[in-house]
Every structure is written in C-alpha cells, then in structure tokens.
Amino acid sequence: MAKRRKQDDGPSGGSWIDTFADLMNLLLCFFVLLFSMSSVDVDKFEALVQSLEHSFSVLPAGGSSVGDGQMVSSGISQFLLLDEYYKPEANSSSIENAGKENLETDGEEKDSEEKESEEALKEEYKDAALAESEEMAEELERKLAEQMIADKVEVDVNAQYVLLTLNGALLFDSGQSQIREDALNLVNKLSLLLEKYDSNLIDIEGHTDNVPISNAKYENNDVLSAYRAFAVKDYILGNSSLGADKIRATGCGEYKPVADNSTPEGRARNRRVEVKIYNSYNSN
C-alpha cells in the first residue's frame, strides 16, 4: 500500500503576527507624536525635541533656532539667512511701533527744549525790561527831588512801566475836573520831566473813590475820572513838546482802588491820577 505524502502547510503562522505588532507600535508612536506636538505644554514639547535630538540627531547641540547651527548632524547646512527673512515680517509691527515711540519721544524732547528756550528768552526779556524801568525810575526820582516835588509824587516800577501817582486832592476840588490853580506848578514841572520820554508811550489814568456822584456835568465816577485824566493830558500837551500820539487818557472810575474805601484816608488815596511811562520794550 502506498504511503501518503504529508501536506505542506506553508510558512509558519507566527511571522505575520510580528510584522503586525511592529506596525501597531509604529502607529502608536505616530499618534503619540501627533498628540505631543498638538499639546500646549511647553515642558512636554521640549522633552519631545530632546528625545528626537538624541534619537535622530535632529537639531544637534548648539542649534537653538532656525538660524543657528546645522539642520542635521550629517553636515548638511541650512539656509543661514532664513530667519533674517522672517524676522522683519514677524516683527514689522514691533519695529513700526518702536519707530513711532521714538518719534514721539524725540518730538516731546524737542517740544520740551523749545519751551525751555522760549521761557528762557521770556525771562531775559522781562529782566531787561525791568532793568530799564528801574533806571528810568531812579532818574525820575532824582529829577523830582531837584524840582522839589518828590513829596507830592509817588514812584513805583515794574517790568512794563514807571508809575507816577499824584494825589487827587492836590489836583482837583471835590467833584470837579478842573486842575486847581495851586496845582498848576506841580503839573507844569511834571510836564517838563516827561519831555525826555517823548519816544515812550505815556498813559494817564483818572481814579475816584466809591462815593456816588451825579450832577448835571458828571453822571457817575467813570465820567468824572475820565474828565480828570483828559484835563491832565491836555495840560501836559499844552505845556511841553510831547506829541499827542504818545499820550493816552483813560477814566478808571472806582474800580481800581489802592486803599480801603471805608475810611476817609483810604478814599483820599483812591482819588488819584496815575501817569504810566512805559519802557522801550512795551511802548510799541
């Protein structure tokens, strides 16, 4: 009887299982890699990079960015200027903002310097004007003393003008605007002193107290003070060589008191005529 041949079962059944297991491991690693890269956790990302670096020699030691070192450890060089291309694009807004900030800072510094320079010029101008006013005041005080009327005229000074104050009771009778006869000599001497300042602006102001006045000629203190100022102006023009274009007259009424109107002494001080001689810096 013939012997049966044993049937060939082919390759061993365990070979494809090994291949399948390797494939599953690779797929598992791939999904783990995807999961790790999608995670926001910085620590995990750095750990992954280090693992790749040691395993596949990607981003070798010293290569901390795209623009540093080599791409792989085999010596293949990367585009060294690649990051130079991206940096302006990535940082264009930052550069623009920085430029604006620099311009704003420069503008503020320039404005500050201009303001400081302007303030310094103003101070120099004021100091020079005050020095001229003080020199004028000293000269007027000396001449008033020579004319023996220094006790009848008060002298004050500021950066704009020299102020000469005449007591209204010496110049006018109560409620009147005509210069008293015994005061004409005082006004005449003052007129001669003012002739030297023919190029300066001269302002004559009339002032009263707050006692109301109302009569056929002067309806209130404003009108009375204006008449008194013009009376002094007209007398000075008629008894000096001064031109009318340099002298002004103003009535200020009771609105600029220099003393308390509640006392007789205060009201007497408020009834006055002021002559302002402006310095050359303020005569235009």
Protein backbone atom coordinates (compact mmCIF):
# COMPACT_ATOMS: atom_id res chain seq x y z
CA MET A 1 0.00 0.00 0.00
CA ALA A 2 1.36 3.42 -0.98
CA LYS A 3 2.45 5.89 1.73
CA ARG A 4 0.58 9.24 1.81
CA ARG A 5 2.58 12.44 1.36
CA LYS A 6 2.36 14.89 4.26
CA GLN A 7 0.56 18.16 3.21
CA ASP A 8 2.79 21.30 3.20
CA ASP A 9 1.22 23.93 5.48
CA GLY A 10 3.42 26.78 4.15
CA PRO A 11 5.23 29.28 6.27
CA SER A 12 4.91 29.38 10.00
CA GLY A 13 1.81 31.19 11.19
CA GLY A 14 3.75 33.39 13.66
CA SER A 15 5.66 35.57 11.07
CA TRP A 16 2.80 37.90 10.12
CA ILE A 17 1.98 38.49 13.78
CA ASP A 18 5.45 40.02 14.32
CA THR A 19 5.03 42.32 11.35
CA PHE A 20 1.58 43.38 12.53
CA ALA A 21 2.90 44.09 16.03
CA ASP A 22 5.69 46.26 14.63
CA LEU A 23 3.16 48.22 12.56
CA MET A 24 0.93 48.78 15.57
CA ASN A 25 3.88 50.02 17.59
CA LEU A 26 4.81 52.45 14.83
CA LEU A 27 1.23 53.70 14.58
CA LEU A 28 1.08 54.12 18.34
CA CYS A 29 4.31 56.11 18.32
CA PHE A 30 2.99 58.22 15.44
CA PHE A 31 -0.21 59.13 17.28
CA VAL A 32 1.68 59.81 20.48
CA LEU A 33 3.94 62.12 18.47
CA LEU A 34 0.92 63.93 17.00
CA PHE A 35 -0.64 64.26 20.43
CA SER A 36 2.58 65.61 21.92
CA MET A 37 3.01 68.21 19.16
CA SER A 38 -0.59 69.39 19.49
CA SER A 39 -0.21 69.91 23.22
CA VAL A 40 0.39 73.48 24.52
CA ASP A 41 2.50 72.14 27.36
CA VAL A 42 5.95 73.69 26.81
CA ASP A 43 7.69 71.20 29.06
CA LYS A 44 6.36 68.24 27.08
CA PHE A 45 7.35 69.89 23.80
CA GLU A 46 10.91 70.47 24.99
CA ALA A 47 11.12 66.87 26.22
CA LEU A 48 9.95 65.69 22.79
CA VAL A 49 12.57 67.79 21.00
CA GLN A 50 15.30 66.43 23.23
CA SER A 51 14.10 62.88 22.58
CA LEU A 52 14.15 63.48 18.81
CA GLU A 53 17.51 65.14 19.03
CA HIS A 54 19.13 62.18 20.73
CA SER A 55 17.29 59.59 18.65
CA PHE A 56 17.52 61.05 15.12
CA SER A 57 20.27 63.67 15.52
CA VAL A 58 17.86 66.49 14.50
CA LEU A 59 18.72 69.92 15.91
CA PRO A 60 22.08 68.89 17.37
CA ALA A 61 23.58 70.52 20.41
CA GLY A 62 24.16 74.21 19.80
CA GLY A 63 21.31 74.56 17.29
CA SER A 64 18.79 76.51 19.31
CA SER A 65 16.91 78.14 16.46
CA VAL A 66 16.35 78.05 12.73
CA GLY A 67 19.18 80.48 12.21
CA ASP A 68 21.73 78.65 14.35
CA GLY A 69 23.92 75.63 13.67
CA GLN A 70 23.06 72.93 11.16
CA MET A 71 19.77 71.31 10.28
CA VAL A 72 21.01 67.74 10.79
CA SER A 73 24.11 66.24 12.23
CA SER A 74 25.25 64.82 8.93
CA GLY A 75 26.73 68.18 7.99
CA ILE A 76 24.04 69.41 5.63
CA SER A 77 23.91 73.18 6.11
CA GLN A 78 20.61 75.04 6.30
CA PHE A 79 19.72 78.45 4.91
CA LEU A 80 21.54 80.61 7.42
CA LEU A 81 19.68 83.76 6.39
CA LEU A 82 16.27 82.15 6.58
CA ASP A 83 15.48 83.77 9.92
CA GLU A 84 16.61 87.14 8.56
CA TYR A 85 13.80 86.82 6.04
CA TYR A 86 11.20 86.03 8.65
CA LYS A 87 12.26 88.40 11.41
CA PRO A 88 11.28 91.65 9.62
CA GLU A 89 7.95 90.13 8.65
CA ALA A 90 7.28 88.83 12.14
CA ASN A 91 8.48 91.96 13.87
CA SER A 92 7.31 94.63 11.40
CA SER A 93 4.58 95.84 13.74
CA SER A 94 7.02 95.96 16.63
CA ILE A 95 9.52 97.93 14.56
CA GLU A 96 6.80 100.29 13.41
CA ASN A 97 5.56 100.81 16.96
CA ALA A 98 9.12 101.32 18.19
CA GLY A 99 9.68 103.89 15.44
CA LYS A 100 6.52 105.74 16.41
CA GLU A 101 7.54 105.69 20.05
CA ASN A 102 10.98 107.02 19.16
CA LEU A 103 9.44 109.77 17.04
CA GLU A 104 7.03 110.67 19.81
CA THR A 105 9.85 110.71 22.35
CA ASP A 106 12.01 112.84 20.06
CA GLY A 107 9.06 115.16 19.46
CA GLU A 108 8.37 115.50 23.16
CA GLU A 109 12.03 116.20 23.89
CA LYS A 110 12.12 118.78 21.10
CA ASP A 111 8.95 120.46 22.35
CA SER A 112 10.36 120.48 25.87
CA GLU A 113 13.60 122.05 24.67
CA GLU A 114 11.69 124.66 22.66
CA LYS A 115 9.52 125.51 25.66
CA GLU A 116 12.56 125.81 27.90
CA SER A 117 14.27 128.03 25.32
CA GLU A 118 11.14 130.15 24.96
CA GLU A 119 10.80 130.51 28.73
CA ALA A 120 14.47 131.47 29.00
CA LEU A 121 14.01 134.16 26.32
CA LYS A 122 10.92 135.47 28.11
CA GLU A 123 12.84 135.70 31.37
CA GLU A 124 15.72 137.51 29.68
CA TYR A 125 13.25 139.90 28.04
CA LYS A 126 11.49 140.56 31.34
CA ASP A 127 14.76 141.11 33.20
CA ALA A 128 15.98 143.56 30.56
CA ALA A 129 12.66 145.45 30.62
CA LEU A 130 12.68 145.63 34.41
CA ALA A 131 16.26 146.89 34.43
CA GLU A 132 15.30 149.70 32.05
CA SER A 133 12.25 150.61 34.15
CA GLU A 134 14.37 150.75 37.30
CA GLU A 135 16.90 153.01 35.59
CA MET A 136 14.08 155.32 34.46
CA ALA A 137 12.64 155.38 37.98
CA GLU A 138 15.98 156.34 39.53
CA GLU A 139 16.39 159.18 37.06
CA LEU A 140 12.85 160.46 37.65
CA GLU A 141 13.25 160.33 41.43
CA ARG A 142 16.43 162.39 41.13
CA LYS A 143 14.75 164.99 38.93
CA LEU A 144 11.65 165.13 41.14
CA ALA A 145 13.94 165.86 44.08
CA GLU A 146 15.70 168.58 42.10
CA GLN A 147 12.33 170.16 41.27
CA MET A 148 11.32 169.82 44.94
CA ILE A 149 8.12 167.91 44.17
CA ALA A 150 9.29 164.46 45.28
CA ASP A 151 6.94 164.57 48.29
CA LYS A 152 3.93 165.11 46.02
CA VAL A 153 4.62 162.29 43.55
CA GLU A 154 4.91 158.59 44.41
CA VAL A 155 7.20 156.50 42.19
CA ASP A 156 6.75 152.79 41.59
CA VAL A 157 8.16 150.45 38.98
CA ASN A 158 7.58 147.11 37.25
CA ALA A 159 8.77 145.35 34.10
CA GLN A 160 6.36 147.38 31.93
CA TYR A 161 6.45 150.95 33.15
CA VAL A 162 7.34 153.51 35.77
CA LEU A 163 4.28 154.62 37.71
CA LEU A 164 3.92 158.22 38.95
CA THR A 165 0.96 158.75 41.30
CA LEU A 166 -0.42 162.21 42.12
CA ASN A 167 -2.91 162.70 44.92
CA GLY A 168 -6.26 163.75 43.51
CA ALA A 169 -6.91 166.11 46.41
CA LEU A 170 -3.86 168.15 45.34
CA LEU A 171 -5.07 168.42 41.75
CA PHE A 172 -8.86 168.80 41.94
CA ASP A 173 -11.59 170.09 44.17
CA SER A 174 -14.21 167.59 45.27
CA GLY A 175 -16.45 166.58 42.37
CA GLN A 176 -14.54 168.73 39.85
CA SER A 177 -12.25 168.01 36.89
CA GLN A 178 -10.55 171.40 36.51
CA ILE A 179 -6.96 171.47 37.82
CA ARG A 180 -6.63 173.68 40.86
CA GLU A 181 -4.63 176.90 40.50
CA ASP A 182 -2.18 175.93 43.22
CA ALA A 183 -1.54 172.57 41.47
CA LEU A 184 -0.64 174.03 38.08
CA ASN A 185 3.00 174.46 39.07
CA LEU A 186 3.21 170.77 40.02
CA VAL A 187 1.73 169.61 36.70
CA ASN A 188 3.92 172.06 34.78
CA LYS A 189 7.13 170.67 36.35
CA LEU A 190 5.93 167.14 35.68
CA SER A 191 5.33 168.05 32.04
CA LEU A 192 8.92 169.19 31.64
CA LEU A 193 10.21 165.98 33.17
CA LEU A 194 8.16 163.90 30.74
CA GLU A 195 9.65 165.64 27.68
CA LYS A 196 12.70 163.36 27.81
CA TYR A 197 10.45 160.35 27.26
CA ASP A 198 8.90 161.58 24.02
CA SER A 199 9.56 158.19 22.38
CA ASN A 200 7.85 156.27 25.20
CA LEU A 201 4.16 155.57 25.49
CA ILE A 202 2.58 157.57 28.33
CA ASP A 203 -0.76 156.55 29.80
CA ILE A 204 -2.69 158.90 32.14
CA GLU A 205 -5.41 157.30 34.27
CA GLY A 206 -8.01 159.01 36.43
CA HIS A 207 -9.33 157.23 39.56
CA THR A 208 -12.02 158.04 42.13
CA ASP A 209 -13.32 156.63 45.41
CA ASN A 210 -16.61 154.74 45.60
CA VAL A 211 -18.75 157.63 46.82
CA PRO A 212 -21.51 158.04 44.20
CA ILE A 213 -21.69 161.26 42.22
CA SER A 214 -24.44 162.51 39.97
CA ASN A 215 -24.85 166.03 38.72
CA ALA A 216 -25.51 167.89 35.51
CA LYS A 217 -21.92 167.52 34.28
CA TYR A 218 -20.78 164.13 35.63
CA GLU A 219 -23.36 161.40 35.75
CA ASN A 220 -21.07 158.95 37.61
CA ASN A 221 -17.50 158.34 38.79
CA ASP A 222 -16.46 156.85 35.45
CA VAL A 223 -17.20 160.11 33.67
CA LEU A 224 -15.55 162.21 36.39
CA SER A 225 -12.36 160.13 36.32
CA ALA A 226 -12.17 160.37 32.52
CA TYR A 227 -12.56 164.18 32.61
CA ARG A 228 -9.76 164.43 35.17
CA ALA A 229 -7.43 162.22 33.11
CA PHE A 230 -8.07 164.31 29.99
CA ALA A 231 -7.56 167.55 31.94
CA VAL A 232 -4.04 166.44 32.95
CA LYS A 233 -3.29 165.16 29.43
CA ASP A 234 -4.38 168.42 27.78
CA TYR A 235 -2.30 170.50 30.18
CA ILE A 236 0.83 168.39 29.58
CA LEU A 237 0.39 168.61 25.80
CA GLY A 238 -0.08 172.38 26.02
CA ASN A 239 3.00 172.93 28.19
CA SER A 240 5.55 170.51 26.71
CA SER A 241 6.91 169.33 23.38
CA LEU A 242 5.34 165.87 23.71
CA GLY A 243 3.26 164.61 20.79
CA ALA A 244 -0.38 163.62 21.22
CA ASP A 245 0.26 160.27 19.53
CA LYS A 246 2.28 159.10 22.54
CA ILE A 247 -0.12 160.11 25.33
CA ARG A 248 -3.37 158.37 26.19
CA ALA A 249 -6.01 159.28 28.77
CA THR A 250 -8.31 156.78 30.47
CA GLY A 251 -11.01 157.02 33.12
CA CYS A 252 -10.99 154.06 35.51
CA GLY A 253 -13.63 155.25 37.95
CA GLU A 254 -13.75 153.49 41.32
CA TYR A 255 -12.79 150.04 40.06
CA LYS A 256 -9.05 150.00 40.80
CA PRO A 257 -8.74 151.09 44.44
CA VAL A 258 -5.35 151.07 46.16
CA ALA A 259 -6.78 151.52 49.66
CA ASP A 260 -9.86 150.77 51.74
CA ASN A 261 -12.80 152.95 50.73
CA SER A 262 -14.40 152.50 54.15
CA THR A 263 -12.06 155.11 55.71
CA PRO A 264 -11.53 158.78 54.80
CA GLU A 265 -7.81 158.19 54.42
CA GLY A 266 -8.40 155.26 52.06
CA ARG A 267 -10.85 157.23 49.93
CA ALA A 268 -8.37 160.09 49.72
CA ARG A 269 -5.69 157.72 48.38
CA ASN A 270 -8.08 156.26 45.84
CA ARG A 271 -8.82 159.74 44.42
CA ARG A 272 -5.70 159.99 42.30
CA VAL A 273 -4.16 160.45 38.88
CA GLU A 274 -1.60 157.91 37.66
CA VAL A 275 0.97 158.60 34.95
CA LYS A 276 2.47 155.40 33.46
CA ILE A 277 5.67 155.83 31.45
CA TYR A 278 6.22 152.59 29.54
CA ASN A 279 9.77 151.43 28.85
CA SER A 280 11.04 150.89 25.30
CA TYR A 281 10.15 147.17 25.44
CA ASN A 282 6.46 147.96 25.95
CA SER A 283 5.96 151.23 24.07
CA ASN A 284 5.04 149.75 20.70
